[in-house]
N, C-alpha and C. Protein backbone atom coordinates (compact mmCIF):
# COMPACT_ATOMS: atom_id res chain seq x y z
N MET A 1 -11.99 -169.76 278.56
CA MET A 1 -10.95 -170.73 278.26
C MET A 1 -11.51 -172.14 278.10
N ILE A 2 -12.60 -172.43 278.77
CA ILE A 2 -13.16 -173.78 278.69
C ILE A 2 -13.96 -173.99 277.40
N TYR A 3 -14.31 -172.90 276.73
CA TYR A 3 -15.16 -173.04 275.55
C TYR A 3 -14.42 -173.68 274.37
N LEU A 4 -13.15 -173.42 274.22
CA LEU A 4 -12.41 -173.96 273.09
C LEU A 4 -12.34 -175.49 273.11
N PRO A 5 -11.98 -176.14 274.21
CA PRO A 5 -11.96 -177.60 274.19
C PRO A 5 -13.35 -178.21 273.96
N VAL A 6 -14.37 -177.60 274.53
CA VAL A 6 -15.73 -178.13 274.35
C VAL A 6 -16.15 -177.98 272.89
N THR A 7 -15.86 -176.84 272.30
CA THR A 7 -16.19 -176.62 270.90
C THR A 7 -15.42 -177.58 270.00
N LEU A 8 -14.16 -177.77 270.29
CA LEU A 8 -13.35 -178.69 269.51
C LEU A 8 -13.86 -180.12 269.64
N LEU A 9 -14.25 -180.51 270.83
CA LEU A 9 -14.80 -181.85 271.05
C LEU A 9 -16.11 -182.04 270.29
N LEU A 10 -16.98 -181.04 270.33
CA LEU A 10 -18.24 -181.13 269.59
C LEU A 10 -18.00 -181.20 268.09
N PHE A 11 -17.03 -180.45 267.61
CA PHE A 11 -16.71 -180.48 266.18
C PHE A 11 -16.19 -181.86 265.77
N LEU A 12 -15.31 -182.44 266.57
CA LEU A 12 -14.79 -183.78 266.26
C LEU A 12 -15.90 -184.83 266.33
N LEU A 13 -16.81 -184.67 267.27
CA LEU A 13 -17.95 -185.58 267.38
C LEU A 13 -18.81 -185.48 266.13
N PHE A 14 -19.03 -184.25 265.66
CA PHE A 14 -19.82 -184.04 264.45
C PHE A 14 -19.14 -184.69 263.25
N LEU A 15 -17.81 -184.56 263.15
CA LEU A 15 -17.10 -185.18 262.03
C LEU A 15 -17.21 -186.70 262.06
N LEU A 16 -17.27 -187.28 263.25
CA LEU A 16 -17.40 -188.73 263.36
C LEU A 16 -18.81 -189.20 263.03
N ILE A 17 -19.81 -188.41 263.37
CA ILE A 17 -21.20 -188.81 263.18
C ILE A 17 -21.72 -188.45 261.79
N PHE A 18 -21.12 -187.44 261.14
CA PHE A 18 -21.64 -186.93 259.88
C PHE A 18 -21.80 -187.99 258.79
N PRO A 19 -20.84 -188.90 258.57
CA PRO A 19 -21.05 -189.92 257.52
C PRO A 19 -22.28 -190.79 257.77
N PHE A 20 -22.58 -191.09 259.02
CA PHE A 20 -23.76 -191.90 259.32
C PHE A 20 -25.04 -191.12 259.08
N ILE A 21 -25.02 -189.82 259.40
CA ILE A 21 -26.18 -188.98 259.13
C ILE A 21 -26.41 -188.89 257.63
N ARG A 22 -25.33 -188.70 256.87
CA ARG A 22 -25.45 -188.60 255.42
C ARG A 22 -25.97 -189.90 254.82
N LEU A 23 -25.52 -191.04 255.34
CA LEU A 23 -25.99 -192.34 254.85
C LEU A 23 -27.48 -192.51 255.14
N ALA A 24 -27.92 -192.11 256.33
CA ALA A 24 -29.34 -192.23 256.68
C ALA A 24 -30.20 -191.35 255.78
N ILE A 25 -29.76 -190.12 255.52
CA ILE A 25 -30.52 -189.23 254.65
C ILE A 25 -30.57 -189.78 253.24
N THR A 26 -29.45 -190.30 252.76
CA THR A 26 -29.41 -190.87 251.41
C THR A 26 -30.36 -192.05 251.29
N THR A 27 -30.38 -192.91 252.29
CA THR A 27 -31.27 -194.07 252.27
C THR A 27 -32.73 -193.64 252.29
N ASP A 28 -33.07 -192.65 253.11
CA ASP A 28 -34.45 -192.16 253.17
C ASP A 28 -34.87 -191.56 251.84
N VAL A 29 -33.99 -190.80 251.22
CA VAL A 29 -34.32 -190.19 249.93
C VAL A 29 -34.48 -191.26 248.86
N GLU A 30 -33.63 -192.28 248.88
CA GLU A 30 -33.76 -193.37 247.90
C GLU A 30 -35.11 -194.07 248.02
N VAL A 31 -35.51 -194.36 249.25
CA VAL A 31 -36.79 -195.05 249.47
C VAL A 31 -37.95 -194.16 249.02
N ALA A 32 -37.90 -192.88 249.38
CA ALA A 32 -38.99 -191.97 249.02
C ALA A 32 -39.10 -191.81 247.51
N VAL A 33 -37.97 -191.67 246.83
CA VAL A 33 -38.00 -191.49 245.38
C VAL A 33 -38.40 -192.78 244.68
N ALA A 34 -37.99 -193.92 245.22
CA ALA A 34 -38.39 -195.21 244.64
C ALA A 34 -39.91 -195.39 244.75
N LYS A 35 -40.51 -194.90 245.82
CA LYS A 35 -41.96 -195.00 245.96
C LYS A 35 -42.67 -194.13 244.92
N LEU A 36 -42.01 -193.06 244.48
CA LEU A 36 -42.59 -192.20 243.45
C LEU A 36 -42.42 -192.78 242.06
N GLY A 37 -41.60 -193.81 241.93
CA GLY A 37 -41.43 -194.48 240.65
C GLY A 37 -40.14 -194.16 239.92
N PHE A 38 -39.26 -193.41 240.53
CA PHE A 38 -37.98 -193.10 239.91
C PHE A 38 -36.94 -194.14 240.33
N SER A 39 -35.84 -194.19 239.60
CA SER A 39 -34.79 -195.15 239.94
C SER A 39 -33.95 -194.65 241.10
N PRO A 40 -33.34 -195.54 241.88
CA PRO A 40 -32.47 -195.12 242.99
C PRO A 40 -31.27 -194.30 242.52
N GLY A 41 -30.75 -194.59 241.33
CA GLY A 41 -29.64 -193.80 240.80
C GLY A 41 -30.04 -192.36 240.58
N PHE A 42 -31.25 -192.16 240.10
CA PHE A 42 -31.76 -190.80 239.91
C PHE A 42 -31.90 -190.10 241.25
N ALA A 43 -32.28 -190.85 242.27
CA ALA A 43 -32.42 -190.27 243.61
C ALA A 43 -31.08 -189.80 244.13
N LEU A 44 -30.04 -190.60 243.95
CA LEU A 44 -28.70 -190.20 244.42
C LEU A 44 -28.18 -188.98 243.67
N CYS A 45 -28.39 -188.95 242.36
CA CYS A 45 -27.94 -187.79 241.58
C CYS A 45 -28.67 -186.54 242.03
N GLY A 46 -29.96 -186.65 242.26
CA GLY A 46 -30.73 -185.50 242.73
C GLY A 46 -30.31 -185.04 244.11
N LEU A 47 -30.03 -186.00 244.99
CA LEU A 47 -29.61 -185.64 246.34
C LEU A 47 -28.25 -184.95 246.33
N PHE A 48 -27.31 -185.47 245.56
CA PHE A 48 -25.99 -184.84 245.50
C PHE A 48 -26.06 -183.46 244.85
N ALA A 49 -26.93 -183.31 243.85
CA ALA A 49 -27.10 -181.99 243.23
C ALA A 49 -27.67 -181.01 244.24
N LEU A 50 -28.59 -181.49 245.07
CA LEU A 50 -29.18 -180.63 246.09
C LEU A 50 -28.16 -180.26 247.15
N LEU A 51 -27.32 -181.21 247.55
CA LEU A 51 -26.31 -180.93 248.57
C LEU A 51 -25.21 -180.01 248.06
N LEU A 52 -24.91 -180.07 246.78
CA LEU A 52 -23.83 -179.25 246.24
C LEU A 52 -24.25 -177.81 245.96
N THR A 53 -25.55 -177.57 245.84
CA THR A 53 -26.00 -176.20 245.56
C THR A 53 -26.40 -175.48 246.82
């Protein structure tokens, strides 16, 4: 019986933290791709294509 509230709390915590995790990953990918010589827009398109597949 105690597992449901804990699981629900962890899920809500994940939903609150997920946008910040996604922003950090996006920023890291932009920096890495910019160092390779590609544009940041190309980095975002590639990242979203990777996340959607």
